[in-house]
Amino acid sequence: MSGTHSKADQIRFARYQSIKAEVEALEEEMKDVDCDKMVKDHIKALNQYNERKDACLVLIGKLTTLEQTTSSEIYKKLDLTPED
């Protein structure tokens, strides 16, 4: 940049150059990655996780019935939180 640009313009341009270089490096790093496969694999893993979590919730429900207690008590007993 020439000397006629303000300091703020120079800072913005330097930041732009830095970001541009980072994008180019990431594009180079990812050039051989099959993004569609990556997304499909991720979706498959999420589906497996959700199926297992659903199965656990069914089991916790059965435990609450068998032990005649609440799901909160079962979570405490198993050292879990509802977010687990």
C-alpha atoms as a PDB file:
ATOM      1  CA  MET A   1       0.000   0.000   0.000  1.00  0.00           C
ATOM      2  CA  SER A   2       1.199   3.474  -0.697  1.00  0.00           C
ATOM      3  CA  GLY A   3       1.819   6.106   1.931  1.00  0.00           C
ATOM      4  CA  THR A   4      -1.439   7.911   1.114  1.00  0.00           C
ATOM      5  CA  HIS A   5      -3.565   5.442   3.053  1.00  0.00           C
ATOM      6  CA  SER A   6      -4.424   5.987   6.689  1.00  0.00           C
ATOM      7  CA  LYS A   7      -3.011   3.868   9.488  1.00  0.00           C
ATOM      8  CA  ALA A   8      -6.467   2.272   9.951  1.00  0.00           C
ATOM      9  CA  ASP A   9      -6.543   1.344   6.246  1.00  0.00           C
ATOM     10  CA  GLN A  10      -3.097  -0.182   6.545  1.00  0.00           C
ATOM     11  CA  ILE A  11      -4.170  -2.210   9.585  1.00  0.00           C
ATOM     12  CA  ARG A  12      -7.319  -3.419   7.786  1.00  0.00           C
ATOM     13  CA  PHE A  13      -5.289  -4.369   4.723  1.00  0.00           C
ATOM     14  CA  ALA A  14      -2.750  -6.267   6.839  1.00  0.00           C
ATOM     15  CA  ARG A  15      -5.616  -8.119   8.563  1.00  0.00           C
ATOM     16  CA  TYR A  16      -7.149  -8.884   5.158  1.00  0.00           C
ATOM     17  CA  GLN A  17      -3.825 -10.272   3.937  1.00  0.00           C
ATOM     18  CA  SER A  18      -3.503 -12.400   7.060  1.00  0.00           C
ATOM     19  CA  ILE A  19      -7.007 -13.816   6.691  1.00  0.00           C
ATOM     20  CA  LYS A  20      -6.460 -14.424   2.983  1.00  0.00           C
ATOM     21  CA  ALA A  21      -3.278 -16.383   3.719  1.00  0.00           C
ATOM     22  CA  GLU A  22      -5.082 -18.417   6.388  1.00  0.00           C
ATOM     23  CA  VAL A  23      -7.928 -19.253   3.972  1.00  0.00           C
ATOM     24  CA  GLU A  24      -5.442 -20.307   1.302  1.00  0.00           C
ATOM     25  CA  ALA A  25      -3.619 -22.549   3.796  1.00  0.00           C
ATOM     26  CA  LEU A  26      -6.876 -24.161   4.897  1.00  0.00           C
ATOM     27  CA  GLU A  27      -7.960 -24.694   1.285  1.00  0.00           C
ATOM     28  CA  GLU A  28      -4.631 -26.384   0.568  1.00  0.00           C
ATOM     29  CA  GLU A  29      -4.992 -28.558   3.673  1.00  0.00           C
ATOM     30  CA  MET A  30      -8.529 -29.586   2.703  1.00  0.00           C
ATOM     31  CA  LYS A  31      -7.988 -30.070  -1.049  1.00  0.00           C
ATOM     32  CA  ASP A  32      -7.958 -33.873  -0.827  1.00  0.00           C
ATOM     33  CA  VAL A  33     -10.795 -34.157   1.698  1.00  0.00           C
ATOM     34  CA  ASP A  34     -14.086 -35.601   0.478  1.00  0.00           C
ATOM     35  CA  CYS A  35     -16.446 -33.174   2.195  1.00  0.00           C
ATOM     36  CA  ASP A  36     -19.578 -35.100   1.186  1.00  0.00           C
ATOM     37  CA  LYS A  37     -18.184 -38.272   2.770  1.00  0.00           C
ATOM     38  CA  MET A  38     -17.174 -36.332   5.871  1.00  0.00           C
ATOM     39  CA  VAL A  39     -20.710 -34.962   6.263  1.00  0.00           C
ATOM     40  CA  LYS A  40     -22.284 -38.389   5.647  1.00  0.00           C
ATOM     41  CA  ASP A  41     -19.969 -39.991   8.218  1.00  0.00           C
ATOM     42  CA  HIS A  42     -20.806 -37.288  10.740  1.00  0.00           C
ATOM     43  CA  ILE A  43     -24.552 -37.732  10.190  1.00  0.00           C
ATOM     44  CA  LYS A  44     -24.161 -41.509  10.576  1.00  0.00           C
ATOM     45  CA  ALA A  45     -22.306 -41.027  13.864  1.00  0.00           C
ATOM     46  CA  LEU A  46     -24.997 -38.636  15.128  1.00  0.00           C
ATOM     47  CA  ASN A  47     -27.710 -41.130  14.224  1.00  0.00           C
ATOM     48  CA  GLN A  48     -25.889 -43.905  16.099  1.00  0.00           C
ATOM     49  CA  TYR A  49     -25.483 -41.639  19.109  1.00  0.00           C
ATOM     50  CA  ASN A  50     -29.181 -40.723  19.074  1.00  0.00           C
ATOM     51  CA  GLU A  51     -30.234 -44.384  18.794  1.00  0.00           C
ATOM     52  CA  ARG A  52     -28.064 -45.319  21.772  1.00  0.00           C
ATOM     53  CA  LYS A  53     -29.272 -42.379  23.818  1.00  0.00           C
ATOM     54  CA  ASP A  54     -32.906 -43.323  23.046  1.00  0.00           C
ATOM     55  CA  ALA A  55     -32.201 -46.908  24.153  1.00  0.00           C
ATOM     56  CA  CYS A  56     -30.708 -45.638  27.409  1.00  0.00           C
ATOM     57  CA  LEU A  57     -33.749 -43.453  28.035  1.00  0.00           C
ATOM     58  CA  VAL A  58     -36.005 -46.491  27.559  1.00  0.00           C
ATOM     59  CA  LEU A  59     -33.911 -48.454  30.062  1.00  0.00           C
ATOM     60  CA  ILE A  60     -33.995 -45.602  32.568  1.00  0.00           C
ATOM     61  CA  GLY A  61     -37.778 -45.482  32.163  1.00  0.00           C
ATOM     62  CA  LYS A  62     -37.996 -49.216  32.879  1.00  0.00           C
ATOM     63  CA  LEU A  63     -35.763 -48.807  35.940  1.00  0.00           C
ATOM     64  CA  THR A  64     -38.025 -46.085  37.308  1.00  0.00           C
ATOM     65  CA  THR A  65     -40.961 -48.474  37.008  1.00  0.00           C
ATOM     66  CA  LEU A  66     -39.124 -51.443  38.522  1.00  0.00           C
ATOM     67  CA  GLU A  67     -37.723 -49.435  41.423  1.00  0.00           C
ATOM     68  CA  GLN A  68     -40.878 -47.340  41.808  1.00  0.00           C
ATOM     69  CA  THR A  69     -38.920 -44.121  41.805  1.00  0.00           C
ATOM     70  CA  THR A  70     -38.415 -41.060  39.627  1.00  0.00           C
ATOM     71  CA  SER A  71     -36.074 -40.694  36.697  1.00  0.00           C
ATOM     72  CA  SER A  72     -34.283 -37.964  38.672  1.00  0.00           C
ATOM     73  CA  GLU A  73     -33.461 -40.507  41.366  1.00  0.00           C
ATOM     74  CA  ILE A  74     -32.217 -42.992  38.769  1.00  0.00           C
ATOM     75  CA  TYR A  75     -30.013 -40.302  37.205  1.00  0.00           C
ATOM     76  CA  LYS A  76     -28.547 -39.513  40.647  1.00  0.00           C
ATOM     77  CA  LYS A  77     -28.030 -43.207  41.380  1.00  0.00           C
ATOM     78  CA  LEU A  78     -26.179 -43.665  38.069  1.00  0.00           C
ATOM     79  CA  ASP A  79     -24.241 -40.417  38.525  1.00  0.00           C
ATOM     80  CA  LEU A  80     -25.801 -38.914  35.384  1.00  0.00           C
ATOM     81  CA  THR A  81     -27.400 -35.631  34.502  1.00  0.00           C
ATOM     82  CA  PRO A  82     -30.375 -35.236  32.144  1.00  0.00           C
ATOM     83  CA  GLU A  83     -27.952 -33.661  29.640  1.00  0.00           C
ATOM     84  CA  ASP A  84     -25.822 -36.849  29.497  1.00  0.00           C
END
